[in-house]
């Protein structure tokens, strides 16, 4: 590892039993740990038996504290950046530190670890090949409404974080844009003693979670079912191309690209009409 390196470390999202050997090793070797909440990080450090210097690094002081962090990194100290849970920089402080270290000529290494996003998507049983992560939704305004409208139209699985006091409102507002039978998963207290993953219709979720919830919450929304391409419309487009002198093969290919209908299906239909 280069001397001037910031170690960005994912930490357990609830269960300290998820501490990796690599995280334990880095915390034990660290000269200084920059932490979102020094009190919560103190419990993690005690768990792994580490005793580095600890400095706070949160939204309110990161603009000023980033320079001190950079100075520590560039002086050759072993510096680890952590948030309260999960990965720094992902809906948590950290991006400013990473950018500042890079601008100063230092390097970054990232320690992987538990993720509420990945855990929730997998536990939901929804399509995990392609998904969108929205972080925490805006509290109000047009941007909030645009996010819900985008979620309604999104064919990929959508994931967002919700605070306990805002979950009911988030589900209610989501219901104004998304059809009531869309499947959602409410993942609460992941990896902790009272972990719960509830899966059901959006309207059922809004009724069940109408009161403030407890714990850390991740919401997963099933993607909108893809609309089937209109075969008749695609064939009509291909026929028009053929009438204008385009070959059957090219007409089938171009129409398939623009409509999503199978090229082979369009080509066969054009052949059938030619021979009929």
C-alpha atoms as a PDB file:
ATOM      1  CA  UNK A   1       0.000   0.000   0.000  1.00  0.00           C
ATOM      2  CA  UNK A   2       1.398   3.463  -0.900  1.00  0.00           C
ATOM      3  CA  UNK A   3       2.418   5.576   2.086  1.00  0.00           C
ATOM      4  CA  UNK A   4      -0.092   8.390   1.477  1.00  0.00           C
ATOM      5  CA  UNK A   5      -3.259   6.303   1.440  1.00  0.00           C
ATOM      6  CA  UNK A   6      -6.686   6.874   2.933  1.00  0.00           C
ATOM      7  CA  UNK A   7      -8.367   3.634   3.962  1.00  0.00           C
ATOM      8  CA  UNK A   8     -12.139   3.918   3.486  1.00  0.00           C
ATOM      9  CA  UNK A   9     -13.720   1.121   5.490  1.00  0.00           C
ATOM     10  CA  UNK A  10     -17.233  -0.290   5.484  1.00  0.00           C
ATOM     11  CA  UNK A  11     -18.420  -1.158   8.983  1.00  0.00           C
ATOM     12  CA  UNK A  12     -21.163  -3.515  10.219  1.00  0.00           C
ATOM     13  CA  UNK A  13     -24.708  -2.233   9.653  1.00  0.00           C
ATOM     14  CA  UNK A  14     -25.846  -3.568  13.011  1.00  0.00           C
ATOM     15  CA  UNK A  15     -24.263  -6.835  14.033  1.00  0.00           C
ATOM     16  CA  UNK A  16     -20.662  -6.486  15.234  1.00  0.00           C
ATOM     17  CA  UNK A  17     -20.212 -10.156  14.401  1.00  0.00           C
ATOM     18  CA  UNK A  18     -19.925  -9.025  10.768  1.00  0.00           C
ATOM     19  CA  UNK A  19     -16.548  -7.382  11.386  1.00  0.00           C
ATOM     20  CA  UNK A  20     -14.127  -8.787   8.811  1.00  0.00           C
ATOM     21  CA  UNK A  21     -10.573  -9.831   9.626  1.00  0.00           C
ATOM     22  CA  UNK A  22      -9.339  -7.137   7.284  1.00  0.00           C
ATOM     23  CA  UNK A  23     -11.335  -4.413   9.046  1.00  0.00           C
ATOM     24  CA  UNK A  24     -10.138  -5.649  12.433  1.00  0.00           C
ATOM     25  CA  UNK A  25      -6.538  -5.576  11.186  1.00  0.00           C
ATOM     26  CA  UNK A  26      -6.776  -2.057   9.751  1.00  0.00           C
ATOM     27  CA  UNK A  27      -8.443  -0.604  12.850  1.00  0.00           C
ATOM     28  CA  UNK A  28      -5.809  -2.205  15.052  1.00  0.00           C
ATOM     29  CA  UNK A  29      -2.969  -0.783  12.939  1.00  0.00           C
ATOM     30  CA  UNK A  30      -4.520   2.665  12.427  1.00  0.00           C
ATOM     31  CA  UNK A  31      -2.832   5.769  13.773  1.00  0.00           C
ATOM     32  CA  UNK A  32      -6.074   7.720  13.543  1.00  0.00           C
ATOM     33  CA  UNK A  33      -9.693   6.898  12.694  1.00  0.00           C
ATOM     34  CA  UNK A  34     -12.024   9.569  11.359  1.00  0.00           C
ATOM     35  CA  UNK A  35     -15.569   8.684  12.365  1.00  0.00           C
ATOM     36  CA  UNK A  36     -19.073   9.993  11.717  1.00  0.00           C
ATOM     37  CA  UNK A  37     -19.983   9.497  15.390  1.00  0.00           C
ATOM     38  CA  UNK A  38     -17.030   8.953  17.720  1.00  0.00           C
ATOM     39  CA  UNK A  39     -19.252   7.392  20.404  1.00  0.00           C
ATOM     40  CA  UNK A  40     -20.572   4.685  18.093  1.00  0.00           C
ATOM     41  CA  UNK A  41     -17.137   4.066  16.652  1.00  0.00           C
ATOM     42  CA  UNK A  42     -15.731   3.695  20.168  1.00  0.00           C
ATOM     43  CA  UNK A  43     -17.917   0.589  20.582  1.00  0.00           C
ATOM     44  CA  UNK A  44     -16.566  -0.853  17.338  1.00  0.00           C
ATOM     45  CA  UNK A  45     -12.977  -0.154  18.368  1.00  0.00           C
ATOM     46  CA  UNK A  46     -13.537  -1.749  21.770  1.00  0.00           C
ATOM     47  CA  UNK A  47     -15.017  -4.814  20.067  1.00  0.00           C
ATOM     48  CA  UNK A  48     -11.888  -5.360  17.954  1.00  0.00           C
ATOM     49  CA  UNK A  49      -9.459  -4.315  20.688  1.00  0.00           C
ATOM     50  CA  UNK A  50      -8.110  -1.269  18.837  1.00  0.00           C
ATOM     51  CA  UNK A  51      -6.995   1.994  20.427  1.00  0.00           C
ATOM     52  CA  UNK A  52      -6.126   4.554  17.713  1.00  0.00           C
ATOM     53  CA  UNK A  53      -6.674   8.263  17.895  1.00  0.00           C
ATOM     54  CA  UNK A  54     -10.255   9.140  16.945  1.00  0.00           C
ATOM     55  CA  UNK A  55     -11.497  12.324  15.315  1.00  0.00           C
ATOM     56  CA  UNK A  56     -15.015  13.216  14.220  1.00  0.00           C
ATOM     57  CA  UNK A  57     -15.913  13.569  10.550  1.00  0.00           C
ATOM     58  CA  UNK A  58     -19.570  14.363   9.961  1.00  0.00           C
ATOM     59  CA  UNK A  59     -21.716  16.549   7.735  1.00  0.00           C
ATOM     60  CA  UNK A  60     -21.392  19.579   9.993  1.00  0.00           C
ATOM     61  CA  UNK A  61     -17.581  19.670  10.124  1.00  0.00           C
ATOM     62  CA  UNK A  62     -16.350  17.759   7.076  1.00  0.00           C
ATOM     63  CA  UNK A  63     -15.499  20.878   5.058  1.00  0.00           C
ATOM     64  CA  UNK A  64     -12.982  21.976   7.698  1.00  0.00           C
ATOM     65  CA  UNK A  65     -11.946  18.546   8.964  1.00  0.00           C
ATOM     66  CA  UNK A  66     -11.063  17.311   5.455  1.00  0.00           C
ATOM     67  CA  UNK A  67      -7.880  19.399   5.474  1.00  0.00           C
ATOM     68  CA  UNK A  68      -6.699  17.862   8.735  1.00  0.00           C
ATOM     69  CA  UNK A  69      -7.487  14.400   7.382  1.00  0.00           C
ATOM     70  CA  UNK A  70      -5.468  15.143   4.239  1.00  0.00           C
ATOM     71  CA  UNK A  71      -2.537  16.389   6.324  1.00  0.00           C
ATOM     72  CA  UNK A  72      -2.562  13.172   8.339  1.00  0.00           C
ATOM     73  CA  UNK A  73      -2.690  11.016   5.211  1.00  0.00           C
ATOM     74  CA  UNK A  74       0.041  12.911   3.379  1.00  0.00           C
ATOM     75  CA  UNK A  75       2.320  12.827   6.431  1.00  0.00           C
ATOM     76  CA  UNK A  76       2.334   9.041   6.229  1.00  0.00           C
ATOM     77  CA  UNK A  77      -0.043   8.256   9.063  1.00  0.00           C
ATOM     78  CA  UNK A  78      -2.267   5.214   8.701  1.00  0.00           C
ATOM     79  CA  UNK A  79      -5.713   6.845   8.429  1.00  0.00           C
ATOM     80  CA  UNK A  80      -9.026   4.975   8.368  1.00  0.00           C
ATOM     81  CA  UNK A  81     -12.334   6.667   7.534  1.00  0.00           C
ATOM     82  CA  UNK A  82     -15.572   5.076   8.798  1.00  0.00           C
ATOM     83  CA  UNK A  83     -19.225   6.043   9.096  1.00  0.00           C
ATOM     84  CA  UNK A  84     -21.712   4.827  11.680  1.00  0.00           C
ATOM     85  CA  UNK A  85     -22.732   1.858   9.539  1.00  0.00           C
ATOM     86  CA  UNK A  86     -22.055   0.712   6.007  1.00  0.00           C
ATOM     87  CA  UNK A  87     -19.816   2.481   3.501  1.00  0.00           C
ATOM     88  CA  UNK A  88     -18.586   6.075   3.915  1.00  0.00           C
ATOM     89  CA  UNK A  89     -19.693   8.175   0.969  1.00  0.00           C
ATOM     90  CA  UNK A  90     -22.890   6.203   0.344  1.00  0.00           C
ATOM     91  CA  UNK A  91     -25.607   8.278   2.041  1.00  0.00           C
ATOM     92  CA  UNK A  92     -22.935   9.017   4.678  1.00  0.00           C
ATOM     93  CA  UNK A  93     -20.050  11.519   4.969  1.00  0.00           C
ATOM     94  CA  UNK A  94     -16.903  10.597   3.080  1.00  0.00           C
ATOM     95  CA  UNK A  95     -16.956  11.882  -0.502  1.00  0.00           C
ATOM     96  CA  UNK A  96     -15.275  15.170   0.474  1.00  0.00           C
ATOM     97  CA  UNK A  97     -12.424  13.305   2.185  1.00  0.00           C
ATOM     98  CA  UNK A  98     -11.844  11.030  -0.793  1.00  0.00           C
ATOM     99  CA  UNK A  99     -11.773  13.955  -3.224  1.00  0.00           C
ATOM    100  CA  UNK A 100      -9.467  16.000  -1.002  1.00  0.00           C
ATOM    101  CA  UNK A 101      -6.951  13.164  -0.646  1.00  0.00           C
ATOM    102  CA  UNK A 102      -6.926  12.546  -4.400  1.00  0.00           C
ATOM    103  CA  UNK A 103      -6.456  16.252  -5.119  1.00  0.00           C
ATOM    104  CA  UNK A 104      -3.485  16.260  -2.731  1.00  0.00           C
ATOM    105  CA  UNK A 105      -1.893  13.371  -4.630  1.00  0.00           C
ATOM    106  CA  UNK A 106      -2.761  10.623  -2.199  1.00  0.00           C
ATOM    107  CA  UNK A 107      -4.444   7.320  -2.994  1.00  0.00           C
ATOM    108  CA  UNK A 108      -7.578   5.556  -1.782  1.00  0.00           C
ATOM    109  CA  UNK A 109      -8.182   1.955  -0.819  1.00  0.00           C
ATOM    110  CA  UNK A 110     -11.632   0.664   0.081  1.00  0.00           C
ATOM    111  CA  UNK A 111     -12.422  -2.156   2.496  1.00  0.00           C
ATOM    112  CA  UNK A 112     -15.663  -3.918   1.464  1.00  0.00           C
ATOM    113  CA  UNK A 113     -18.258  -4.878   3.997  1.00  0.00           C
ATOM    114  CA  UNK A 114     -21.943  -5.250   4.861  1.00  0.00           C
ATOM    115  CA  UNK A 115     -24.473  -3.237   2.853  1.00  0.00           C
ATOM    116  CA  UNK A 116     -28.084  -2.555   3.806  1.00  0.00           C
ATOM    117  CA  UNK A 117     -28.836  -1.959   0.116  1.00  0.00           C
ATOM    118  CA  UNK A 118     -27.532  -5.334  -1.046  1.00  0.00           C
ATOM    119  CA  UNK A 119     -29.018  -7.188   1.939  1.00  0.00           C
ATOM    120  CA  UNK A 120     -32.446  -5.650   1.361  1.00  0.00           C
ATOM    121  CA  UNK A 121     -32.501  -6.282  -2.397  1.00  0.00           C
ATOM    122  CA  UNK A 122     -31.509  -9.922  -1.953  1.00  0.00           C
ATOM    123  CA  UNK A 123     -33.974 -10.489   0.907  1.00  0.00           C
ATOM    124  CA  UNK A 124     -36.813  -8.946  -1.127  1.00  0.00           C
ATOM    125  CA  UNK A 125     -36.559 -11.593  -3.816  1.00  0.00           C
ATOM    126  CA  UNK A 126     -36.960  -8.922  -6.505  1.00  0.00           C
ATOM    127  CA  UNK A 127     -34.726  -8.692  -9.571  1.00  0.00           C
ATOM    128  CA  UNK A 128     -31.214  -7.925  -8.328  1.00  0.00           C
ATOM    129  CA  UNK A 129     -29.453  -7.958 -11.687  1.00  0.00           C
ATOM    130  CA  UNK A 130     -30.304  -4.295 -12.254  1.00  0.00           C
ATOM    131  CA  UNK A 131     -31.425  -1.873  -9.557  1.00  0.00           C
ATOM    132  CA  UNK A 132     -31.415   1.832  -8.706  1.00  0.00           C
ATOM    133  CA  UNK A 133     -30.350   3.236  -5.335  1.00  0.00           C
ATOM    134  CA  UNK A 134     -31.946   6.565  -4.371  1.00  0.00           C
ATOM    135  CA  UNK A 135     -30.433   7.107  -0.912  1.00  0.00           C
ATOM    136  CA  UNK A 136     -32.705   9.157   1.348  1.00  0.00           C
ATOM    137  CA  UNK A 137     -35.541  10.845  -0.554  1.00  0.00           C
ATOM    138  CA  UNK A 138     -35.869  14.654  -0.477  1.00  0.00           C
ATOM    139  CA  UNK A 139     -38.114  15.826   2.337  1.00  0.00           C
ATOM    140  CA  UNK A 140     -40.270  18.078   0.170  1.00  0.00           C
ATOM    141  CA  UNK A 141     -40.577  20.008  -3.064  1.00  0.00           C
ATOM    142  CA  UNK A 142     -40.610  19.177  -6.737  1.00  0.00           C
ATOM    143  CA  UNK A 143     -37.503  17.022  -6.525  1.00  0.00           C
ATOM    144  CA  UNK A 144     -39.324  14.699  -4.136  1.00  0.00           C
ATOM    145  CA  UNK A 145     -42.269  14.381  -6.515  1.00  0.00           C
ATOM    146  CA  UNK A 146     -39.947  13.775  -9.457  1.00  0.00           C
ATOM    147  CA  UNK A 147     -38.255  10.935  -7.593  1.00  0.00           C
ATOM    148  CA  UNK A 148     -41.588   9.216  -6.963  1.00  0.00           C
ATOM    149  CA  UNK A 149     -42.661   9.715 -10.575  1.00  0.00           C
ATOM    150  CA  UNK A 150     -39.366   8.215 -11.751  1.00  0.00           C
ATOM    151  CA  UNK A 151     -39.842   5.252  -9.415  1.00  0.00           C
ATOM    152  CA  UNK A 152     -43.296   4.631 -10.873  1.00  0.00           C
ATOM    153  CA  UNK A 153     -41.855   4.452 -14.400  1.00  0.00           C
ATOM    154  CA  UNK A 154     -38.680   2.540 -13.504  1.00  0.00           C
ATOM    155  CA  UNK A 155     -38.461  -1.039 -14.770  1.00  0.00           C
ATOM    156  CA  UNK A 156     -35.472  -1.752 -12.530  1.00  0.00           C
ATOM    157  CA  UNK A 157     -35.783  -2.482  -8.812  1.00  0.00           C
ATOM    158  CA  UNK A 158     -35.605   0.753  -6.773  1.00  0.00           C
ATOM    159  CA  UNK A 159     -34.055   0.985  -3.298  1.00  0.00           C
ATOM    160  CA  UNK A 160     -34.159   3.886  -0.870  1.00  0.00           C
ATOM    161  CA  UNK A 161     -33.516   4.559   2.811  1.00  0.00           C
ATOM    162  CA  UNK A 162     -36.318   5.813   5.070  1.00  0.00           C
ATOM    163  CA  UNK A 163     -36.118   7.244   8.550  1.00  0.00           C
ATOM    164  CA  UNK A 164     -38.543   5.718  11.093  1.00  0.00           C
ATOM    165  CA  UNK A 165     -40.626   8.887  11.339  1.00  0.00           C
ATOM    166  CA  UNK A 166     -40.867   9.395   7.570  1.00  0.00           C
ATOM    167  CA  UNK A 167     -41.606   5.839   6.417  1.00  0.00           C
ATOM    168  CA  UNK A 168     -45.397   6.248   6.579  1.00  0.00           C
ATOM    169  CA  UNK A 169     -45.263   9.498   4.604  1.00  0.00           C
ATOM    170  CA  UNK A 170     -42.843   8.045   2.067  1.00  0.00           C
ATOM    171  CA  UNK A 171     -45.114   5.067   1.425  1.00  0.00           C
ATOM    172  CA  UNK A 172     -48.179   7.307   1.237  1.00  0.00           C
ATOM    173  CA  UNK A 173     -46.574   9.643  -1.295  1.00  0.00           C
ATOM    174  CA  UNK A 174     -45.223   6.678  -3.242  1.00  0.00           C
ATOM    175  CA  UNK A 175     -48.776   5.359  -3.470  1.00  0.00           C
ATOM    176  CA  UNK A 176     -49.858   8.544  -5.272  1.00  0.00           C
ATOM    177  CA  UNK A 177     -47.593   7.634  -8.187  1.00  0.00           C
ATOM    178  CA  UNK A 178     -47.186   3.851  -8.131  1.00  0.00           C
ATOM    179  CA  UNK A 179     -49.967   1.327  -8.736  1.00  0.00           C
ATOM    180  CA  UNK A 180     -51.257  -0.190  -5.443  1.00  0.00           C
ATOM    181  CA  UNK A 181     -50.450  -3.787  -6.369  1.00  0.00           C
ATOM    182  CA  UNK A 182     -46.743  -3.109  -6.984  1.00  0.00           C
ATOM    183  CA  UNK A 183     -44.672  -5.280  -4.645  1.00  0.00           C
ATOM    184  CA  UNK A 184     -42.484  -3.606  -2.014  1.00  0.00           C
ATOM    185  CA  UNK A 185     -40.197  -4.864   0.718  1.00  0.00           C
ATOM    186  CA  UNK A 186     -39.653  -3.113   4.040  1.00  0.00           C
ATOM    187  CA  UNK A 187     -36.325  -4.238   5.506  1.00  0.00           C
ATOM    188  CA  UNK A 188     -35.904  -3.142   9.104  1.00  0.00           C
ATOM    189  CA  UNK A 189     -33.019  -3.574  11.560  1.00  0.00           C
ATOM    190  CA  UNK A 190     -31.024  -5.694   9.117  1.00  0.00           C
ATOM    191  CA  UNK A 191     -28.477  -8.033  10.764  1.00  0.00           C
ATOM    192  CA  UNK A 192     -29.731  -7.056  14.232  1.00  0.00           C
ATOM    193  CA  UNK A 193     -31.648  -9.075  16.818  1.00  0.00           C
ATOM    194  CA  UNK A 194     -35.062  -7.819  15.677  1.00  0.00           C
ATOM    195  CA  UNK A 195     -34.411  -7.992  11.931  1.00  0.00           C
ATOM    196  CA  UNK A 196     -37.589  -7.960   9.859  1.00  0.00           C
ATOM    197  CA  UNK A 197     -38.163  -8.159   6.112  1.00  0.00           C
ATOM    198  CA  UNK A 198     -41.805  -7.647   5.144  1.00  0.00           C
ATOM    199  CA  UNK A 199     -42.848  -8.165   1.506  1.00  0.00           C
ATOM    200  CA  UNK A 200     -46.252  -7.377   0.026  1.00  0.00           C
ATOM    201  CA  UNK A 201     -48.359  -4.967  -2.026  1.00  0.00           C
ATOM    202  CA  UNK A 202     -47.736  -1.240  -1.752  1.00  0.00           C
ATOM    203  CA  UNK A 203     -51.243  -0.537  -0.466  1.00  0.00           C
ATOM    204  CA  UNK A 204     -50.800  -3.223   2.202  1.00  0.00           C
ATOM    205  CA  UNK A 205     -47.459  -1.727   3.189  1.00  0.00           C
ATOM    206  CA  UNK A 206     -48.969   1.746   3.551  1.00  0.00           C
ATOM    207  CA  UNK A 207     -51.636   0.335   5.870  1.00  0.00           C
ATOM    208  CA  UNK A 208     -49.221  -1.758   7.936  1.00  0.00           C
ATOM    209  CA  UNK A 209     -46.619   0.982   8.365  1.00  0.00           C
ATOM    210  CA  UNK A 210     -49.017   3.874   8.959  1.00  0.00           C
ATOM    211  CA  UNK A 211     -47.413   4.636  12.325  1.00  0.00           C
ATOM    212  CA  UNK A 212     -43.759   5.569  12.966  1.00  0.00           C
ATOM    213  CA  UNK A 213     -41.553   2.497  12.697  1.00  0.00           C
ATOM    214  CA  UNK A 214     -38.493   1.598  14.744  1.00  0.00           C
ATOM    215  CA  UNK A 215     -34.927   1.082  13.634  1.00  0.00           C
ATOM    216  CA  UNK A 216     -32.972   1.532  10.429  1.00  0.00           C
ATOM    217  CA  UNK A 217     -35.207   1.006   7.363  1.00  0.00           C
ATOM    218  CA  UNK A 218     -34.514   0.168   3.732  1.00  0.00           C
ATOM    219  CA  UNK A 219     -37.382   0.136   1.215  1.00  0.00           C
ATOM    220  CA  UNK A 220     -37.233  -1.931  -1.964  1.00  0.00           C
ATOM    221  CA  UNK A 221     -39.751  -1.320  -4.753  1.00  0.00           C
ATOM    222  CA  UNK A 222     -40.269  -3.888  -7.483  1.00  0.00           C
ATOM    223  CA  UNK A 223     -39.685  -2.510 -10.968  1.00  0.00           C
ATOM    224  CA  UNK A 224     -42.592  -1.758 -13.284  1.00  0.00           C
ATOM    225  CA  UNK A 225     -43.461  -4.647 -15.603  1.00  0.00           C
ATOM    226  CA  UNK A 226     -41.987  -4.022 -19.039  1.00  0.00           C
ATOM    227  CA  UNK A 227     -44.545  -3.233 -21.708  1.00  0.00           C
ATOM    228  CA  UNK A 228     -44.716  -5.838 -24.441  1.00  0.00           C
ATOM    229  CA  UNK A 229     -43.806  -4.431 -27.856  1.00  0.00           C
ATOM    230  CA  UNK A 230     -46.668  -4.031 -30.328  1.00  0.00           C
ATOM    231  CA  UNK A 231     -46.011  -6.636 -33.035  1.00  0.00           C
ATOM    232  CA  UNK A 232     -48.649  -5.316 -35.443  1.00  0.00           C
ATOM    233  CA  UNK A 233     -47.295  -1.798 -35.219  1.00  0.00           C
ATOM    234  CA  UNK A 234     -43.738  -3.052 -35.790  1.00  0.00           C
ATOM    235  CA  UNK A 235     -44.814  -5.056 -38.813  1.00  0.00           C
ATOM    236  CA  UNK A 236     -46.578  -2.018 -40.287  1.00  0.00           C
ATOM    237  CA  UNK A 237     -43.349   0.012 -39.935  1.00  0.00           C
ATOM    238  CA  UNK A 238     -41.352  -2.721 -41.629  1.00  0.00           C
ATOM    239  CA  UNK A 239     -43.872  -2.990 -44.458  1.00  0.00           C
ATOM    240  CA  UNK A 240     -43.641   0.763 -45.048  1.00  0.00           C
ATOM    241  CA  UNK A 241     -39.852   0.500 -45.298  1.00  0.00           C
ATOM    242  CA  UNK A 242     -40.135  -2.354 -47.796  1.00  0.00           C
ATOM    243  CA  UNK A 243     -42.595  -0.335 -49.894  1.00  0.00           C
ATOM    244  CA  UNK A 244     -39.986   2.433 -50.013  1.00  0.00           C
ATOM    245  CA  UNK A 245     -37.359   0.058 -51.394  1.00  0.00           C
ATOM    246  CA  UNK A 246     -35.629  -1.172 -48.228  1.00  0.00           C
ATOM    247  CA  UNK A 247     -34.701  -4.859 -48.307  1.00  0.00           C
ATOM    248  CA  UNK A 248     -36.623  -7.292 -46.123  1.00  0.00           C
ATOM    249  CA  UNK A 249     -33.534  -7.998 -44.048  1.00  0.00           C
ATOM    250  CA  UNK A 250     -32.717  -4.325 -43.430  1.00  0.00           C
ATOM    251  CA  UNK A 251     -36.346  -3.456 -42.730  1.00  0.00           C
ATOM    252  CA  UNK A 252     -36.586  -6.260 -40.169  1.00  0.00           C
ATOM    253  CA  UNK A 253     -33.323  -5.249 -38.512  1.00  0.00           C
ATOM    254  CA  UNK A 254     -34.097  -1.516 -38.290  1.00  0.00           C
ATOM    255  CA  UNK A 255     -37.631  -2.122 -37.017  1.00  0.00           C
ATOM    256  CA  UNK A 256     -36.422  -4.584 -34.399  1.00  0.00           C
ATOM    257  CA  UNK A 257     -33.905  -2.029 -33.123  1.00  0.00           C
ATOM    258  CA  UNK A 258     -36.544   0.691 -32.791  1.00  0.00           C
ATOM    259  CA  UNK A 259     -39.428  -1.373 -31.400  1.00  0.00           C
ATOM    260  CA  UNK A 260     -37.926  -4.283 -29.477  1.00  0.00           C
ATOM    261  CA  UNK A 261     -39.869  -6.842 -31.511  1.00  0.00           C
ATOM    262  CA  UNK A 262     -37.821  -9.859 -32.569  1.00  0.00           C
ATOM    263  CA  UNK A 263     -36.016  -9.305 -35.882  1.00  0.00           C
ATOM    264  CA  UNK A 264     -36.632 -12.922 -36.826  1.00  0.00           C
ATOM    265  CA  UNK A 265     -40.368 -12.560 -36.174  1.00  0.00           C
ATOM    266  CA  UNK A 266     -40.614  -9.425 -38.310  1.00  0.00           C
ATOM    267  CA  UNK A 267     -38.543 -10.939 -41.119  1.00  0.00           C
ATOM    268  CA  UNK A 268     -40.642 -14.122 -41.186  1.00  0.00           C
ATOM    269  CA  UNK A 269     -43.869 -12.098 -41.300  1.00  0.00           C
ATOM    270  CA  UNK A 270     -42.522 -10.068 -44.207  1.00  0.00           C
ATOM    271  CA  UNK A 271     -41.515 -13.253 -46.022  1.00  0.00           C
ATOM    272  CA  UNK A 272     -44.952 -14.769 -45.454  1.00  0.00           C
ATOM    273  CA  UNK A 273     -46.595 -11.698 -46.983  1.00  0.00           C
ATOM    274  CA  UNK A 274     -44.246 -11.773 -49.958  1.00  0.00           C
ATOM    275  CA  UNK A 275     -45.118 -15.391 -50.744  1.00  0.00           C
ATOM    276  CA  UNK A 276     -48.841 -15.215 -49.985  1.00  0.00           C
END
